[in-house]
C-alpha atoms as a PDB file:
ATOM      1  CA  MET A   1     108.662  52.401  84.431  1.00  0.00           C
ATOM      2  CA  THR A   2     112.374  52.622  85.030  1.00  0.00           C
ATOM      3  CA  ALA A   3     115.166  54.540  83.397  1.00  0.00           C
ATOM      4  CA  THR A   4     118.916  54.333  83.616  1.00  0.00           C
ATOM      5  CA  THR A   5     121.295  57.070  84.627  1.00  0.00           C
ATOM      6  CA  LEU A   6     123.652  58.653  82.134  1.00  0.00           C
ATOM      7  CA  CYS A   7     126.857  57.765  84.014  1.00  0.00           C
ATOM      8  CA  PRO A   8     129.112  55.664  81.771  1.00  0.00           C
ATOM      9  CA  GLY A   9     129.622  52.118  82.985  1.00  0.00           C
ATOM     10  CA  TRP A  10     127.007  52.419  85.726  1.00  0.00           C
ATOM     11  CA  SER A  11     123.320  51.947  85.511  1.00  0.00           C
ATOM     12  CA  HIS A  12     120.805  52.139  88.259  1.00  0.00           C
ATOM     13  CA  PRO A  13     117.051  51.643  87.898  1.00  0.00           C
ATOM     14  CA  VAL A  14     115.117  54.784  88.685  1.00  0.00           C
ATOM     15  CA  ARG A  15     111.370  55.121  89.029  1.00  0.00           C
ATOM     16  CA  ALA A  16     109.652  57.601  86.778  1.00  0.00           C
ATOM     17  CA  ALA A  17     108.751  60.871  88.426  1.00  0.00           C
ATOM     18  CA  VAL A  18     105.151  61.262  89.508  1.00  0.00           C
ATOM     19  CA  PRO A  19     104.080  64.910  89.723  1.00  0.00           C
ATOM     20  CA  PRO A  20     102.318  65.730  93.008  1.00  0.00           C
ATOM     21  CA  PHE A  21      99.685  67.883  91.274  1.00  0.00           C
ATOM     22  CA  THR A  22      97.703  67.805  88.091  1.00  0.00           C
ATOM     23  CA  GLU A  23      97.993  70.719  85.700  1.00  0.00           C
ATOM     24  CA  ALA A  24      94.680  72.130  86.964  1.00  0.00           C
ATOM     25  CA  ASP A  25      95.870  71.880  90.582  1.00  0.00           C
ATOM     26  CA  LEU A  26      99.101  73.681  89.708  1.00  0.00           C
ATOM     27  CA  ARG A  27      97.123  76.476  88.041  1.00  0.00           C
ATOM     28  CA  LYS A  28      95.015  76.901  91.202  1.00  0.00           C
ATOM     29  CA  VAL A  29      98.140  77.096  93.349  1.00  0.00           C
ATOM     30  CA  LEU A  30      99.693  79.609  90.949  1.00  0.00           C
ATOM     31  CA  GLU A  31      96.570  81.800  91.063  1.00  0.00           C
ATOM     32  CA  LYS A  32      96.614  81.787  94.856  1.00  0.00           C
ATOM     33  CA  VAL A  33     100.313  82.634  95.002  1.00  0.00           C
ATOM     34  CA  GLN A  34      99.883  85.454  92.499  1.00  0.00           C
ATOM     35  CA  GLY A  35      96.936  86.862  94.452  1.00  0.00           C
ATOM     36  CA  TRP A  36      98.667  86.629  97.813  1.00  0.00           C
ATOM     37  CA  ALA A  37      99.698  89.835  99.483  1.00  0.00           C
ATOM     38  CA  PRO A  38     101.907  89.734 102.556  1.00  0.00           C
ATOM     39  CA  TYR A  39     100.589  91.126 105.797  1.00  0.00           C
ATOM     40  CA  VAL A  40     102.683  94.173 106.629  1.00  0.00           C
ATOM     41  CA  ASP A  41     102.000  95.658 110.068  1.00  0.00           C
ATOM     42  CA  GLY A  42     103.637  99.002 109.334  1.00  0.00           C
ATOM     43  CA  LEU A  43     101.499  99.637 106.275  1.00  0.00           C
ATOM     44  CA  LEU A  44      98.318  98.691 108.106  1.00  0.00           C
ATOM     45  CA  LEU A  45      99.122 101.029 110.981  1.00  0.00           C
ATOM     46  CA  ASP A  46     100.094 103.830 108.596  1.00  0.00           C
ATOM     47  CA  ASP A  47      96.819 103.432 106.709  1.00  0.00           C
ATOM     48  CA  VAL A  48      94.773 103.342 109.922  1.00  0.00           C
ATOM     49  CA  ALA A  49      96.583 106.403 111.291  1.00  0.00           C
ATOM     50  CA  ALA A  50      96.060 108.326 108.038  1.00  0.00           C
ATOM     51  CA  VAL A  51      92.299 107.843 108.296  1.00  0.00           C
ATOM     52  CA  LEU A  52      91.921 108.360 112.047  1.00  0.00           C
ATOM     53  CA  ASP A  53      94.188 111.402 112.179  1.00  0.00           C
ATOM     54  CA  ASP A  54      92.757 114.889 112.742  1.00  0.00           C
ATOM     55  CA  TYR A  55      93.182 115.528 109.012  1.00  0.00           C
ATOM     56  CA  THR A  56      90.083 114.718 106.948  1.00  0.00           C
ATOM     57  CA  PRO A  57      90.932 112.842 103.740  1.00  0.00           C
ATOM     58  CA  THR A  58      89.939 114.530 100.489  1.00  0.00           C
ATOM     59  CA  GLU A  59      87.403 112.963  98.133  1.00  0.00           C
ATOM     60  CA  HIS A  60      90.219 111.476  96.036  1.00  0.00           C
ATOM     61  CA  GLU A  61      92.046 110.122  99.100  1.00  0.00           C
ATOM     62  CA  VAL A  62      88.940 108.452 100.551  1.00  0.00           C
ATOM     63  CA  GLY A  63      88.766 105.996  97.652  1.00  0.00           C
ATOM     64  CA  GLU A  64      92.451 105.097  97.970  1.00  0.00           C
ATOM     65  CA  HIS A  65      92.147 104.653 101.738  1.00  0.00           C
ATOM     66  CA  ALA A  66      89.032 102.520 101.343  1.00  0.00           C
ATOM     67  CA  GLN A  67      90.784 100.208  98.902  1.00  0.00           C
ATOM     68  CA  ARG A  68      93.833  99.698 101.144  1.00  0.00           C
ATOM     69  CA  LEU A  69      91.769  99.306 104.325  1.00  0.00           C
ATOM     70  CA  HIS A  70      89.538  96.795 102.560  1.00  0.00           C
ATOM     71  CA  GLY A  71      92.585  94.614 101.833  1.00  0.00           C
ATOM     72  CA  HIS A  72      93.881  94.887 105.395  1.00  0.00           C
ATOM     73  CA  LEU A  73      90.422  94.060 106.741  1.00  0.00           C
ATOM     74  CA  ARG A  74      90.144  90.992 104.518  1.00  0.00           C
ATOM     75  CA  ARG A  75      93.494  89.656 105.741  1.00  0.00           C
ATOM     76  CA  LEU A  76      92.812  90.260 109.446  1.00  0.00           C
ATOM     77  CA  VAL A  77      89.302  88.796 109.276  1.00  0.00           C
ATOM     78  CA  ASP A  78      90.685  85.708 107.509  1.00  0.00           C
ATOM     79  CA  LEU A  79      93.419  85.407 110.141  1.00  0.00           C
ATOM     80  CA  ALA A  80      90.895  85.705 112.977  1.00  0.00           C
ATOM     81  CA  VAL A  81      88.784  82.922 111.476  1.00  0.00           C
ATOM     82  CA  ILE A  82      91.651  80.605 110.507  1.00  0.00           C
ATOM     83  CA  SER A  83      93.344  80.975 113.894  1.00  0.00           C
ATOM     84  CA  LYS A  84      90.001  80.237 115.604  1.00  0.00           C
ATOM     85  CA  ALA A  85      90.307  83.432 117.655  1.00  0.00           C
ATOM     86  CA  ALA A  86      86.791  84.338 116.509  1.00  0.00           C
ATOM     87  CA  GLU A  87      85.479  81.114 118.068  1.00  0.00           C
ATOM     88  CA  GLN A  88      87.334  81.709 121.332  1.00  0.00           C
ATOM     89  CA  ASP A  89      86.543  85.397 121.885  1.00  0.00           C
ATOM     90  CA  GLU A  90      83.122  86.959 121.440  1.00  0.00           C
ATOM     91  CA  HIS A  91      84.627  90.419 120.890  1.00  0.00           C
ATOM     92  CA  VAL A  92      86.794  89.066 118.053  1.00  0.00           C
ATOM     93  CA  ALA A  93      83.705  87.388 116.582  1.00  0.00           C
ATOM     94  CA  ASP A  94      81.820  90.700 116.726  1.00  0.00           C
ATOM     95  CA  LEU A  95      84.698  92.487 114.997  1.00  0.00           C
ATOM     96  CA  VAL A  96      84.856  89.777 112.322  1.00  0.00           C
ATOM     97  CA  GLY A  97      81.133  90.289 111.680  1.00  0.00           C
ATOM     98  CA  ARG A  98      81.558  94.062 111.586  1.00  0.00           C
ATOM     99  CA  GLY A  99      84.566  93.720 109.265  1.00  0.00           C
ATOM    100  CA  ARG A 100      82.668  91.471 106.872  1.00  0.00           C
ATOM    101  CA  ALA A 101      79.721  93.872 106.829  1.00  0.00           C
ATOM    102  CA  LEU A 102      81.978  96.868 106.150  1.00  0.00           C
ATOM    103  CA  ARG A 103      83.729  95.016 103.319  1.00  0.00           C
ATOM    104  CA  CYS A 104      80.370  94.290 101.674  1.00  0.00           C
ATOM    105  CA  GLU A 105      79.212  97.907 101.836  1.00  0.00           C
ATOM    106  CA  ASP A 106      79.958 100.240  98.968  1.00  0.00           C
ATOM    107  CA  VAL A 107      81.826 103.406  99.830  1.00  0.00           C
ATOM    108  CA  PRO A 108      79.168 106.160  99.877  1.00  0.00           C
ATOM    109  CA  ALA A 109      79.331 108.652  97.019  1.00  0.00           C
ATOM    110  CA  GLU A 110      79.072 111.705  99.277  1.00  0.00           C
ATOM    111  CA  HIS A 111      82.287 112.839 100.930  1.00  0.00           C
ATOM    112  CA  GLY A 112      81.080 113.023 104.563  1.00  0.00           C
ATOM    113  CA  PRO A 113      79.526 109.547 104.684  1.00  0.00           C
ATOM    114  CA  ALA A 114      82.531 108.154 102.770  1.00  0.00           C
ATOM    115  CA  VAL A 115      84.916 109.522 105.418  1.00  0.00           C
ATOM    116  CA  GLY A 116      82.713 107.961 108.105  1.00  0.00           C
ATOM    117  CA  HIS A 117      82.842 104.623 106.290  1.00  0.00           C
ATOM    118  CA  VAL A 118      86.647 104.502 106.038  1.00  0.00           C
ATOM    119  CA  ARG A 119      86.951 105.606 109.657  1.00  0.00           C
ATOM    120  CA  ARG A 120      84.676 102.749 110.774  1.00  0.00           C
ATOM    121  CA  MET A 121      86.889 100.367 108.796  1.00  0.00           C
ATOM    122  CA  ALA A 122      89.995 101.843 110.437  1.00  0.00           C
ATOM    123  CA  TRP A 123      88.558 101.544 113.965  1.00  0.00           C
ATOM    124  CA  THR A 124      87.569  97.946 113.289  1.00  0.00           C
ATOM    125  CA  LEU A 125      91.059  97.180 112.004  1.00  0.00           C
ATOM    126  CA  ASP A 126      92.695  98.822 114.987  1.00  0.00           C
ATOM    127  CA  GLU A 127      90.614  96.867 117.493  1.00  0.00           C
ATOM    128  CA  LEU A 128      90.953  93.589 115.608  1.00  0.00           C
ATOM    129  CA  LEU A 129      94.725  93.976 115.327  1.00  0.00           C
ATOM    130  CA  GLU A 130      94.986  94.616 119.061  1.00  0.00           C
ATOM    131  CA  LEU A 131      92.939  91.535 119.917  1.00  0.00           C
ATOM    132  CA  LEU A 132      94.801  89.291 117.469  1.00  0.00           C
ATOM    133  CA  VAL A 133      98.072  90.326 119.101  1.00  0.00           C
ATOM    134  CA  ALA A 134      96.568  89.576 122.528  1.00  0.00           C
ATOM    135  CA  HIS A 135      95.502  86.122 121.279  1.00  0.00           C
ATOM    136  CA  GLN A 136      99.024  85.643 119.902  1.00  0.00           C
ATOM    137  CA  CYS A 137      97.791  85.230 116.354  1.00  0.00           C
ATOM    138  CA  LEU A 138     100.340  87.883 115.453  1.00  0.00           C
ATOM    139  CA  THR A 139     103.682  87.909 117.183  1.00  0.00           C
ATOM    140  CA  GLU A 140     103.888  91.641 117.760  1.00  0.00           C
ATOM    141  CA  ALA A 141     102.423  94.983 116.836  1.00  0.00           C
ATOM    142  CA  PRO A 142     105.038  97.537 115.835  1.00  0.00           C
END
């Protein structure tokens, strides 16, 4: 199919546009873009420090920390797998396995075990971040 331009006195055959995606494909892309959260080093380090600090988080804070650490853990584990660092380094692979296991566990209802859970997530994040920087999967750690 061809169309002509709207310039007076000049016409040029133009092919009809062919969209690169179907409507369903575009919806999938939109869902992924809407669900994407940027990796922000400073926030990750702040969240890790808040949990590993000498201060023990309150019952209310533990849930908030767990939610944020869970998101950081998901992103770093995905990065370790996509970058193939987990295939190249056994320690990274171990941390990926530990991270996946921690993400699958529910935060314990009791305060003491819940604090232990978020601290294990924070230690895993800290170690994984350090190794991903060493493998140059991340350009720098602030």
